[in-house]
N, C-alpha and C. Protein backbone atom coordinates (compact mmCIF):
# COMPACT_ATOMS: atom_id res chain seq x y z
N MET A 1 19.91 1.88 -24.39
CA MET A 1 19.80 0.24 -24.06
C MET A 1 19.67 0.08 -25.33
N LYS A 2 20.64 -0.89 -25.05
CA LYS A 2 20.68 -1.94 -26.53
C LYS A 2 19.86 -2.95 -26.56
N LYS A 3 19.11 -3.54 -27.47
CA LYS A 3 17.99 -4.11 -27.63
C LYS A 3 18.67 -5.88 -27.89
N ILE A 4 18.20 -6.71 -27.12
CA ILE A 4 18.91 -8.19 -26.96
C ILE A 4 18.61 -8.49 -28.33
N SER A 5 17.78 -8.27 -29.36
CA SER A 5 17.82 -8.68 -31.03
C SER A 5 19.16 -7.98 -31.57
N GLU A 6 19.64 -6.96 -31.32
CA GLU A 6 21.07 -6.44 -31.99
C GLU A 6 22.04 -6.97 -31.54
N ILE A 7 21.85 -8.15 -30.19
CA ILE A 7 23.24 -7.98 -29.32
C ILE A 7 23.39 -9.91 -29.94
N TYR A 8 22.04 -10.44 -30.32
CA TYR A 8 22.22 -11.94 -31.06
C TYR A 8 22.24 -11.50 -32.24
N LYS A 9 21.83 -10.92 -32.79
CA LYS A 9 22.39 -10.78 -34.51
C LYS A 9 23.94 -10.17 -34.51
N GLU A 10 24.84 -10.05 -33.88
CA GLU A 10 26.14 -9.60 -33.63
C GLU A 10 26.73 -10.52 -33.46
N LEU A 11 25.58 -11.06 -32.39
CA LEU A 11 26.79 -12.50 -32.41
C LEU A 11 26.34 -13.94 -32.87
N GLY A 12 25.21 -13.66 -34.30
CA GLY A 12 25.14 -14.85 -34.98
C GLY A 12 24.08 -15.84 -34.69
N ILE A 13 23.62 -15.38 -33.32
CA ILE A 13 22.62 -15.82 -32.84
C ILE A 13 21.41 -16.41 -33.39
N ALA A 14 20.76 -17.28 -33.31
CA ALA A 14 19.36 -17.16 -34.21
C ALA A 14 18.17 -16.91 -33.23
N PHE A 15 17.52 -16.52 -33.79
CA PHE A 15 15.85 -15.88 -32.41
C PHE A 15 14.94 -15.69 -33.57
N SER A 16 13.72 -15.57 -32.54
CA SER A 16 12.53 -15.27 -33.53
C SER A 16 11.82 -14.58 -32.47
N PHE A 17 11.00 -13.82 -33.04
CA PHE A 17 10.12 -12.98 -31.91
C PHE A 17 8.89 -14.02 -31.55
N PRO A 18 8.35 -13.63 -30.13
CA PRO A 18 9.09 -12.31 -28.92
C PRO A 18 9.71 -13.24 -29.00
N ILE A 19 11.09 -11.88 -28.78
CA ILE A 19 12.20 -12.53 -27.42
C ILE A 19 11.83 -12.62 -25.51
N VAL A 20 11.73 -13.63 -24.96
CA VAL A 20 11.31 -13.46 -24.00
C VAL A 20 12.31 -14.26 -22.88
N ILE A 21 12.88 -13.38 -21.96
CA ILE A 21 13.95 -13.84 -20.70
C ILE A 21 13.40 -13.55 -19.77
N GLU A 22 13.52 -14.63 -19.20
CA GLU A 22 13.12 -14.97 -17.72
C GLU A 22 13.84 -15.04 -16.50
N ASP A 23 14.14 -14.84 -15.54
CA ASP A 23 14.87 -15.58 -14.44
C ASP A 23 14.40 -16.66 -13.75
N ALA A 24 15.29 -17.18 -12.87
CA ALA A 24 15.32 -18.36 -12.41
C ALA A 24 13.82 -19.00 -11.70
N ASN A 25 13.37 -18.16 -11.53
CA ASN A 25 12.04 -17.82 -10.81
C ASN A 25 10.77 -18.16 -11.77
N GLY A 26 10.93 -17.73 -13.21
CA GLY A 26 10.07 -17.83 -14.10
C GLY A 26 9.57 -16.00 -14.49
N ASN A 27 10.17 -15.52 -13.28
CA ASN A 27 9.67 -13.75 -14.01
C ASN A 27 10.61 -13.28 -15.18
N VAL A 28 9.30 -12.68 -16.25
CA VAL A 28 10.01 -12.52 -17.42
C VAL A 28 10.73 -11.12 -16.72
N THR A 29 11.90 -11.10 -17.26
CA THR A 29 13.01 -10.02 -16.90
C THR A 29 13.29 -8.80 -18.19
N TYR A 30 12.74 -9.58 -19.88
CA TYR A 30 13.03 -8.90 -20.39
C TYR A 30 12.36 -9.48 -21.85
N ARG A 31 11.37 -8.33 -22.68
CA ARG A 31 10.65 -9.42 -23.60
C ARG A 31 10.71 -8.06 -24.36
N GLU A 32 11.01 -8.58 -25.76
CA GLU A 32 11.45 -7.96 -27.03
C GLU A 32 10.07 -8.37 -28.32
N ALA A 33 9.55 -7.63 -28.93
CA ALA A 33 8.25 -7.28 -29.77
C ALA A 33 9.08 -7.13 -31.39
N SER A 34 8.21 -8.14 -32.22
CA SER A 34 9.17 -7.87 -33.39
C SER A 34 8.91 -6.59 -33.84
N ASP A 35 8.45 -5.87 -33.44
CA ASP A 35 8.21 -4.31 -34.03
C ASP A 35 9.17 -3.69 -33.05
N GLY A 36 10.16 -3.88 -32.23
CA GLY A 36 11.46 -3.84 -31.74
C GLY A 36 10.90 -2.73 -30.46
N ARG A 37 9.69 -2.87 -30.28
CA ARG A 37 9.26 -3.05 -28.60
C ARG A 37 9.60 -3.55 -27.85
N TRP A 38 10.00 -3.30 -26.70
CA TRP A 38 11.00 -3.12 -25.49
C TRP A 38 10.50 -3.58 -23.75
N SER A 39 10.45 -4.18 -23.01
CA SER A 39 10.56 -3.67 -22.04
C SER A 39 11.48 -4.71 -20.66
N LYS A 40 11.92 -4.12 -19.72
CA LYS A 40 12.53 -4.96 -18.84
C LYS A 40 12.32 -4.64 -17.61
N ARG A 41 12.69 -5.98 -16.52
CA ARG A 41 11.48 -5.94 -15.23
C ARG A 41 12.76 -6.13 -14.16
N GLU A 42 12.85 -5.91 -13.44
CA GLU A 42 13.93 -6.72 -12.24
C GLU A 42 12.73 -7.08 -10.88
N TYR A 43 13.48 -7.78 -10.18
CA TYR A 43 12.48 -8.83 -9.18
C TYR A 43 13.41 -8.43 -7.90
N ASP A 44 12.72 -9.06 -6.79
CA ASP A 44 13.91 -8.48 -5.25
C ASP A 44 13.40 -10.30 -5.15
N ALA A 45 14.32 -10.31 -3.93
CA ALA A 45 14.29 -11.88 -3.23
C ALA A 45 12.80 -12.65 -3.31
N ASN A 46 11.73 -11.70 -3.26
CA ASN A 46 10.75 -12.62 -2.69
C ASN A 46 9.52 -12.34 -4.21
N ASP A 47 9.96 -12.21 -5.83
CA ASP A 47 9.49 -11.96 -6.48
C ASP A 47 9.09 -10.76 -6.54
N ASN A 48 9.09 -9.88 -5.79
CA ASN A 48 7.90 -8.87 -6.23
C ASN A 48 8.69 -7.69 -7.01
N ARG A 49 8.29 -7.04 -8.12
CA ARG A 49 8.50 -6.11 -9.49
C ARG A 49 9.25 -5.07 -8.63
N THR A 50 10.62 -5.22 -8.74
CA THR A 50 10.87 -3.46 -8.06
C THR A 50 11.00 -2.31 -9.62
N TYR A 51 11.43 -2.66 -10.74
CA TYR A 51 11.78 -1.74 -11.65
C TYR A 51 10.97 -2.07 -12.99
N TYR A 52 10.37 -1.22 -13.49
CA TYR A 52 10.24 -1.75 -14.63
C TYR A 52 10.32 -0.53 -16.00
N GLU A 53 11.28 -0.94 -17.12
CA GLU A 53 11.09 -0.28 -18.04
C GLU A 53 10.82 -0.43 -19.55
N ASN A 54 10.31 0.68 -20.15
CA ASN A 54 10.11 0.11 -21.90
C ASN A 54 10.63 1.29 -22.82
N SER A 55 10.52 0.62 -24.22
CA SER A 55 10.97 1.33 -24.92
C SER A 55 10.41 2.73 -25.04
N ASP A 56 9.09 3.03 -24.76
CA ASP A 56 8.10 4.04 -24.64
C ASP A 56 8.90 5.10 -23.95
N GLY A 57 9.98 4.56 -23.11
CA GLY A 57 10.31 5.62 -22.10
C GLY A 57 9.91 5.38 -20.69
N ASP A 58 8.50 4.80 -20.51
CA ASP A 58 8.20 4.87 -19.25
C ASP A 58 9.34 3.95 -18.49
N CYS A 59 8.77 4.53 -17.14
CA CYS A 59 9.48 3.35 -16.11
C CYS A 59 8.70 3.84 -14.70
N SER A 60 9.20 2.19 -14.20
CA SER A 60 8.58 3.07 -12.57
C SER A 60 9.52 1.97 -11.87
N LYS A 61 9.70 2.22 -10.37
CA LYS A 61 10.37 1.41 -9.22
C LYS A 61 9.49 1.05 -7.91
N ARG A 62 9.50 0.10 -7.44
CA ARG A 62 8.98 0.14 -6.57
C ARG A 62 10.13 -0.54 -5.26
N GLU A 63 8.83 -0.46 -4.01
CA GLU A 63 9.72 -0.82 -2.95
C GLU A 63 8.74 -1.44 -1.94
N PHE A 64 9.20 -2.47 -1.71
CA PHE A 64 8.34 -3.47 -0.87
C PHE A 64 9.06 -3.88 0.84
N ASP A 65 8.44 -3.66 1.83
CA ASP A 65 8.36 -4.56 3.21
C ASP A 65 8.93 -6.08 3.37
N ALA A 66 9.03 -6.59 4.28
CA ALA A 66 9.61 -7.87 4.47
C ALA A 66 8.48 -8.69 4.41
N ASN A 67 7.21 -8.27 4.83
CA ASN A 67 5.80 -9.32 4.47
C ASN A 67 5.60 -9.08 3.00
N GLY A 68 6.49 -8.43 2.03
CA GLY A 68 5.69 -8.17 0.66
C GLY A 68 5.14 -6.97 0.63
N ASN A 69 4.36 -6.62 1.27
CA ASN A 69 3.26 -5.01 1.01
C ASN A 69 4.68 -4.17 0.98
N ILE A 70 3.24 -3.80 -0.51
CA ILE A 70 4.48 -2.06 -1.54
C ILE A 70 4.54 -1.17 -0.57
N THR A 71 5.56 -0.29 -0.71
CA THR A 71 5.82 0.58 0.39
C THR A 71 5.74 2.03 -0.41
N TYR A 72 6.35 1.75 -1.76
CA TYR A 72 6.79 2.83 -2.64
C TYR A 72 6.58 2.39 -3.71
N HIS A 73 5.77 3.66 -4.63
CA HIS A 73 5.86 3.11 -5.73
C HIS A 73 6.41 4.46 -6.71
N GLU A 74 6.91 4.91 -7.81
CA GLU A 74 7.57 6.33 -8.56
C GLU A 74 7.65 5.87 -9.65
N ALA A 75 6.52 6.37 -10.61
CA ALA A 75 6.74 6.24 -11.97
C ALA A 75 7.57 7.11 -12.69
N SER A 76 7.78 7.45 -14.04
CA SER A 76 8.90 8.21 -14.79
C SER A 76 7.64 9.76 -14.81
N ASP A 77 6.72 9.62 -14.93
CA ASP A 77 6.03 11.07 -14.81
C ASP A 77 6.20 11.87 -13.82
N GLY A 78 6.86 11.08 -12.19
CA GLY A 78 7.04 12.05 -11.23
C GLY A 78 6.12 11.42 -10.06
N TYR A 79 4.92 10.87 -10.86
CA TYR A 79 3.95 10.87 -9.69
C TYR A 79 4.32 9.39 -8.90
N TRP A 80 4.28 9.71 -7.73
CA TRP A 80 4.43 8.45 -6.62
C TRP A 80 3.50 8.59 -5.44
N PHE A 81 3.17 7.33 -4.80
CA PHE A 81 2.69 7.25 -3.54
C PHE A 81 3.38 5.97 -2.94
N LYS A 82 3.00 5.99 -1.41
CA LYS A 82 3.49 5.14 -0.38
C LYS A 82 2.40 4.89 0.74
N PHE A 83 3.04 3.90 1.31
CA PHE A 83 1.90 3.08 2.37
C PHE A 83 2.75 2.28 3.50
N GLU A 84 1.99 2.49 4.72
CA GLU A 84 2.78 2.15 5.35
C GLU A 84 1.73 1.36 6.43
N TYR A 85 2.25 0.09 7.06
CA TYR A 85 1.57 -1.30 7.76
C TYR A 85 2.06 -1.41 9.04
N ASP A 86 0.93 -2.12 9.61
CA ASP A 86 1.16 -2.29 11.48
C ASP A 86 1.79 -3.93 11.00
N ALA A 87 2.04 -4.23 12.02
CA ALA A 87 2.63 -5.44 12.38
C ALA A 87 2.17 -6.89 11.71
N ASN A 88 0.30 -6.54 12.04
CA ASN A 88 -0.33 -7.29 11.08
C ASN A 88 -0.76 -7.21 9.49
N GLY A 89 -0.04 -6.61 9.61
CA GLY A 89 -0.12 -6.23 7.75
C GLY A 89 -1.19 -5.25 7.15
N ASN A 90 -1.63 -4.35 8.12
CA ASN A 90 -2.98 -3.59 7.87
C ASN A 90 -2.53 -2.54 7.62
N ARG A 91 -2.78 -1.60 6.19
CA ARG A 91 -2.29 -0.40 5.74
C ARG A 91 -2.81 0.57 6.58
N THR A 92 -1.76 1.21 7.26
CA THR A 92 -2.26 1.99 7.99
C THR A 92 -1.52 3.58 7.65
N TYR A 93 -1.03 3.90 6.07
CA TYR A 93 -0.99 5.24 5.93
C TYR A 93 -0.91 5.14 4.44
N TYR A 94 -1.60 6.35 3.48
CA TYR A 94 -1.44 6.18 2.25
C TYR A 94 -1.26 7.89 1.89
N GLU A 95 -0.03 8.35 1.17
CA GLU A 95 0.55 8.86 0.99
C GLU A 95 0.54 9.27 -1.19
N ASN A 96 0.22 10.07 -1.44
CA ASN A 96 0.90 10.09 -3.09
C ASN A 96 1.70 11.58 -3.08
N SER A 97 1.93 12.03 -4.32
CA SER A 97 2.78 13.07 -5.10
C SER A 97 1.80 14.38 -5.37
N ASN A 98 0.44 13.84 -5.18
CA ASN A 98 -0.66 14.95 -5.69
C ASN A 98 -1.23 15.67 -3.84
N GLY A 99 -0.54 15.00 -3.00
CA GLY A 99 -0.56 15.66 -1.34
C GLY A 99 -2.18 15.26 -0.82
N TYR A 100 -2.38 14.04 -1.38
CA TYR A 100 -3.64 13.40 -0.66
C TYR A 100 -3.05 12.15 0.13
N TRP A 101 -3.58 12.18 1.53
CA TRP A 101 -3.27 11.07 2.42
C TRP A 101 -4.39 10.32 3.09
N SER A 102 -4.28 9.41 3.86
CA SER A 102 -5.07 8.99 4.51
C SER A 102 -4.46 8.28 5.42
N LYS A 103 -5.35 7.56 6.83
CA LYS A 103 -4.40 7.14 8.07
C LYS A 103 -5.67 6.13 8.15
N PHE A 104 -5.25 5.23 8.40
CA PHE A 104 -6.15 3.85 9.06
C PHE A 104 -6.20 3.43 10.58
N GLU A 105 -6.90 2.72 11.55
CA GLU A 105 -6.54 2.39 12.80
C GLU A 105 -7.36 0.75 12.46
N TYR A 106 -7.42 -0.23 12.76
CA TYR A 106 -7.87 -1.04 13.25
C TYR A 106 -7.91 -1.48 14.56
N ASP A 107 -8.73 -2.67 15.48
CA ASP A 107 -8.93 -2.93 16.34
C ASP A 107 -7.81 -4.71 16.55
N ALA A 108 -8.16 -5.16 17.36
CA ALA A 108 -6.58 -6.33 17.68
C ALA A 108 -7.37 -7.55 16.15
N ASN A 109 -8.51 -7.73 15.95
CA ASN A 109 -8.90 -8.51 14.82
C ASN A 109 -8.72 -8.23 13.69
N GLY A 110 -8.41 -6.98 13.07
CA GLY A 110 -7.99 -5.95 12.15
C GLY A 110 -9.03 -5.63 11.41
N ASN A 111 -9.91 -5.13 11.84
CA ASN A 111 -11.20 -4.66 11.60
C ASN A 111 -10.93 -3.17 11.95
N GLU A 112 -11.14 -2.37 10.46
CA GLU A 112 -10.87 -0.82 10.78
C GLU A 112 -11.73 -0.24 11.66
N THR A 113 -11.41 0.60 12.51
CA THR A 113 -12.04 1.23 13.32
C THR A 113 -12.10 2.89 13.19
N TYR A 114 -11.28 3.14 12.60
CA TYR A 114 -11.00 4.68 11.54
C TYR A 114 -10.58 5.08 10.71
N TYR A 115 -11.01 5.87 10.14
CA TYR A 115 -10.48 6.32 9.10
C TYR A 115 -10.64 8.02 9.00
N GLU A 116 -9.30 8.40 8.20
CA GLU A 116 -9.35 9.93 7.90
C GLU A 116 -8.41 10.31 6.95
N ASN A 117 -9.07 11.32 5.94
CA ASN A 117 -8.05 11.61 4.79
C ASN A 117 -7.94 13.19 4.88
N SER A 118 -6.93 13.40 3.62
CA SER A 118 -6.84 15.13 3.51
C SER A 118 -7.18 15.79 2.84
N ASP A 119 -8.63 15.19 2.81
CA ASP A 119 -9.89 16.21 1.80
C ASP A 119 -10.99 16.89 3.53
N GLY A 120 -10.62 15.96 4.83
CA GLY A 120 -10.99 16.20 5.87
C GLY A 120 -12.07 14.83 6.24
N TYR A 121 -12.32 14.28 5.73
CA TYR A 121 -13.31 12.96 6.15
C TYR A 121 -12.95 12.04 6.85
N TRP A 122 -13.51 11.96 8.06
CA TRP A 122 -13.49 10.69 9.01
C TRP A 122 -14.78 9.94 9.29
N SER A 123 -14.37 8.30 9.32
CA SER A 123 -15.09 7.87 9.91
C SER A 123 -14.85 6.98 11.11
N LYS A 124 -15.63 6.45 11.64
CA LYS A 124 -14.97 5.59 13.16
C LYS A 124 -16.24 4.29 12.63
N ARG A 125 -15.62 3.39 13.46
CA ARG A 125 -16.53 1.89 13.38
C ARG A 125 -16.14 0.89 14.54
N GLU A 126 -17.53 0.64 15.36
CA GLU A 126 -17.18 -0.72 16.49
C GLU A 126 -17.59 -1.76 15.11
N TYR A 127 -16.81 -3.09 16.29
CA TYR A 127 -17.27 -4.49 16.07
C TYR A 127 -17.55 -5.46 17.31
N ASP A 128 -18.55 -5.60 17.20
CA ASP A 128 -18.79 -7.16 18.26
C ASP A 128 -17.90 -7.96 18.10
N ALA A 129 -18.19 -9.32 18.96
CA ALA A 129 -16.80 -9.91 19.09
C ALA A 129 -16.90 -11.00 18.39
N ASN A 130 -18.01 -11.23 17.18
CA ASN A 130 -17.96 -11.62 15.81
C ASN A 130 -17.38 -10.93 14.81
N GLY A 131 -16.59 -10.02 15.06
CA GLY A 131 -16.09 -8.96 13.66
C GLY A 131 -17.38 -8.70 12.95
N ASP A 132 -18.94 -8.50 13.73
CA ASP A 132 -19.72 -7.54 12.68
C ASP A 132 -20.01 -6.10 13.51
N ARG A 133 -20.04 -5.42 12.02
CA ARG A 133 -20.26 -4.14 12.75
C ARG A 133 -21.10 -3.48 13.17
N THR A 134 -20.66 -3.05 14.57
CA THR A 134 -22.25 -2.83 15.45
C THR A 134 -22.35 -0.71 15.18
N TYR A 135 -21.82 0.00 15.15
CA TYR A 135 -21.53 1.27 15.22
C TYR A 135 -20.49 1.80 13.63
N PHE A 136 -21.19 2.62 12.84
CA PHE A 136 -20.92 3.22 11.80
C PHE A 136 -20.81 4.72 12.36
N GLU A 137 -20.06 5.74 12.49
CA GLU A 137 -20.14 7.25 12.27
C GLU A 137 -19.31 8.27 11.41
N ASP A 138 -19.71 9.10 10.57
CA ASP A 138 -18.72 9.69 9.71
C ASP A 138 -18.80 11.60 10.04
N CYS A 139 -17.83 12.02 9.50
CA CYS A 139 -18.12 13.41 9.84
C CYS A 139 -19.00 14.17 9.22
N SER A 140 -20.25 13.76 8.21
CA SER A 140 -21.22 14.32 7.65
C SER A 140 -22.09 14.23 8.88
N GLY A 141 -22.17 13.85 10.03
CA GLY A 141 -22.99 13.40 11.04
C GLY A 141 -23.83 11.77 10.90
N TYR A 142 -23.82 11.01 10.00
CA TYR A 142 -24.41 10.06 9.40
C TYR A 142 -24.03 9.11 10.71
N LYS A 143 -25.12 8.16 10.99
CA LYS A 143 -24.91 7.31 12.45
C LYS A 143 -25.61 5.95 11.83
N GLU A 144 -25.32 5.11 12.19
CA GLU A 144 -25.61 3.77 11.76
C GLU A 144 -25.47 2.72 13.08
N GLY A 145 -26.29 2.15 14.06
CA GLY A 145 -25.87 1.49 15.08
C GLY A 145 -25.99 2.40 16.43
N THR A 146 -25.46 2.16 17.65
CA THR A 146 -25.06 2.42 19.01
C THR A 146 -24.25 2.26 19.18
N PRO A 147 -23.16 2.69 19.47
CA PRO A 147 -21.88 3.05 20.04
C PRO A 147 -21.67 2.23 21.60
N ARG A 148 -20.84 1.26 21.63
CA ARG A 148 -20.87 0.79 23.08
C ARG A 148 -20.39 1.98 23.91
N SER A 149 -21.04 1.50 25.24
CA SER A 149 -20.20 2.38 26.21
C SER A 149 -18.98 2.20 26.31
N GLN A 150 -18.06 3.47 26.69
CA GLN A 150 -16.73 3.22 26.98
C GLN A 150 -16.45 3.29 28.59
N SER A 151 -15.25 2.69 28.98
CA SER A 151 -15.19 2.55 30.69
C SER A 151 -14.25 4.13 30.19
N CYS A 152 -14.57 4.39 31.55
CA CYS A 152 -13.61 5.87 31.90
C CYS A 152 -12.53 5.35 33.22
N ALA A 153 -13.06 4.24 33.77
CA ALA A 153 -11.92 4.02 34.12
C ALA A 153 -10.49 4.12 34.09
N GLY A 154 -10.05 4.61 35.17
CA GLY A 154 -8.08 4.69 34.59
C GLY A 154 -8.17 6.05 34.20
N LYS A 155 -9.21 7.16 33.54
CA LYS A 155 -9.01 8.40 32.71
C LYS A 155 -8.48 9.32 34.44
N VAL A 156 -8.49 10.49 33.92
CA VAL A 156 -7.70 11.23 34.89
C VAL A 156 -7.98 12.52 34.36
N ILE A 157 -9.06 13.27 35.42
CA ILE A 157 -10.30 14.26 34.80
C ILE A 157 -9.28 15.59 36.13
N GLU A 158 -9.83 16.61 35.52
CA GLU A 158 -9.31 17.96 36.59
C GLU A 158 -10.13 18.59 37.13
N VAL A 159 -10.79 18.63 38.60
CA VAL A 159 -11.96 19.52 39.10
C VAL A 159 -11.12 20.66 40.03
N ASP A 160 -11.40 22.08 39.85
CA ASP A 160 -10.86 22.70 40.56
C ASP A 160 -9.20 22.80 40.96
N GLY A 161 -8.28 22.33 39.87
CA GLY A 161 -7.18 21.97 39.96
C GLY A 161 -6.53 20.78 40.50
N LYS A 162 -7.26 20.27 41.08
CA LYS A 162 -7.08 18.77 41.78
C LYS A 162 -7.22 17.54 40.31
N LYS A 163 -6.28 17.25 40.45
CA LYS A 163 -6.39 15.65 39.96
C LYS A 163 -7.30 14.32 40.21
N TYR A 164 -8.22 13.70 39.28
CA TYR A 164 -8.75 13.15 39.90
C TYR A 164 -8.65 11.53 39.36
N LYS A 165 -8.41 10.22 39.58
CA LYS A 165 -8.29 8.98 38.79
C LYS A 165 -9.64 8.21 38.91
N LEU A 166 -10.48 8.42 37.88
CA LEU A 166 -11.55 7.58 37.77
C LEU A 166 -11.82 6.18 37.81
N THR A 167 -12.47 5.12 38.48
CA THR A 167 -12.39 3.78 38.83
C THR A 167 -13.75 3.76 38.57
N GLU A 168 -13.59 1.75 38.11
CA GLU A 168 -15.06 1.52 38.22
C GLU A 168 -15.62 1.46 38.92
N ILE A 169 -16.88 1.45 39.06
CA ILE A 169 -18.36 1.21 40.68
C ILE A 169 -18.95 -0.18 40.06
């Protein structure tokens, strides 16, 4: 890539360092220092940085969803990670190029109710109407609080080959 200072010199344009170029939204798209080091950035319509490159050979690209949540990042060394989100913007999945992943579940109030990862760890939580955690349990057997009893109404069980739908008493 030809540096901006070289182009300015060819065109006879006076300049001083650092050279900083911004887009219409004030995002720095190019920066060059007196030692010759430079960096270049690109942004999407929501001002999220989608691309970065510098004179050291580092570069990265990013993708975002319509809500501005990062969904993918990849670096020049090959490392990448990705995220997925639910309709409320809560992160529901993470995965990276090292094979690690994690899953998240939430209640209607956005409280994390379940977590699981590729290392085999899992945890579950319950909350009261105020959003205060009332129960926690994880795969190590650690428990805190008392789980609320869950209604079995509507569940189907099979006894001696016959199916029964459970109801509330």
